Amino acid sequence: MERNLKSYILITLRGIAMGAADVIPGVSGGVITVVTEVVLFSK
């Protein structure tokens, strides 16, 4: 799979969201991963 700039930006944003989720009590990085996977693949 060839990646372009858009792909790298999305991966970076997902990583930031996963890290930020660790600060919020009750939300884990895994939850953010599942949510972003569902949103990305539902298009």
C-alpha atoms as a PDB file:
ATOM      1  CA  MET A   1       0.000   0.000   0.000  1.00  0.00           C
ATOM      2  CA  GLU A   2       1.482   3.299  -1.053  1.00  0.00           C
ATOM      3  CA  ARG A   3       1.063   6.183   1.361  1.00  0.00           C
ATOM      4  CA  ASN A   4       0.654   9.806   0.460  1.00  0.00           C
ATOM      5  CA  LEU A   5       0.751  13.020   2.478  1.00  0.00           C
ATOM      6  CA  LYS A   6      -2.940  12.744   3.421  1.00  0.00           C
ATOM      7  CA  SER A   7      -2.377   9.259   4.803  1.00  0.00           C
ATOM      8  CA  TYR A   8       0.538  10.412   6.965  1.00  0.00           C
ATOM      9  CA  ILE A   9      -1.469  13.356   8.290  1.00  0.00           C
ATOM     10  CA  LEU A  10      -4.392  11.087   9.235  1.00  0.00           C
ATOM     11  CA  ILE A  11      -2.074   8.631  10.994  1.00  0.00           C
ATOM     12  CA  THR A  12      -0.468  11.486  12.912  1.00  0.00           C
ATOM     13  CA  LEU A  13      -3.834  12.909  13.976  1.00  0.00           C
ATOM     14  CA  ARG A  14      -5.020   9.474  15.109  1.00  0.00           C
ATOM     15  CA  GLY A  15      -1.852   9.079  17.172  1.00  0.00           C
ATOM     16  CA  ILE A  16      -2.376  12.462  18.802  1.00  0.00           C
ATOM     17  CA  ALA A  17      -6.010  11.556  19.579  1.00  0.00           C
ATOM     18  CA  MET A  18      -4.938   8.248  21.126  1.00  0.00           C
ATOM     19  CA  GLY A  19      -2.382  10.028  23.309  1.00  0.00           C
ATOM     20  CA  ALA A  20      -4.854  12.722  24.340  1.00  0.00           C
ATOM     21  CA  ALA A  21      -7.423  10.067  25.264  1.00  0.00           C
ATOM     22  CA  ASP A  22      -5.101   8.751  27.969  1.00  0.00           C
ATOM     23  CA  VAL A  23      -5.565  12.041  29.848  1.00  0.00           C
ATOM     24  CA  ILE A  24      -9.368  11.692  29.978  1.00  0.00           C
ATOM     25  CA  PRO A  25     -10.572   9.359  32.741  1.00  0.00           C
ATOM     26  CA  GLY A  26     -12.558   6.397  31.441  1.00  0.00           C
ATOM     27  CA  VAL A  27     -11.374   6.711  27.851  1.00  0.00           C
ATOM     28  CA  SER A  28      -8.506   4.636  26.529  1.00  0.00           C
ATOM     29  CA  GLY A  29      -6.411   4.880  23.400  1.00  0.00           C
ATOM     30  CA  GLY A  30      -8.056   1.641  22.248  1.00  0.00           C
ATOM     31  CA  VAL A  31     -11.483   3.270  22.257  1.00  0.00           C
ATOM     32  CA  ILE A  32     -10.186   6.091  20.067  1.00  0.00           C
ATOM     33  CA  THR A  33      -8.600   3.543  17.732  1.00  0.00           C
ATOM     34  CA  VAL A  34     -11.875   1.654  17.321  1.00  0.00           C
ATOM     35  CA  VAL A  35     -13.845   4.864  16.781  1.00  0.00           C
ATOM     36  CA  THR A  36     -11.423   6.213  14.176  1.00  0.00           C
ATOM     37  CA  GLU A  37     -11.275   2.864  12.362  1.00  0.00           C
ATOM     38  CA  VAL A  38     -15.084   2.784  12.160  1.00  0.00           C
ATOM     39  CA  VAL A  39     -15.208   6.384  10.924  1.00  0.00           C
ATOM     40  CA  LEU A  40     -12.441   5.897   8.353  1.00  0.00           C
ATOM     41  CA  PHE A  41     -13.796   2.633   6.946  1.00  0.00           C
ATOM     42  CA  SER A  42     -17.436   3.725   6.894  1.00  0.00           C
ATOM     43  CA  LYS A  43     -16.773   6.153   4.032  1.00  0.00           C
END
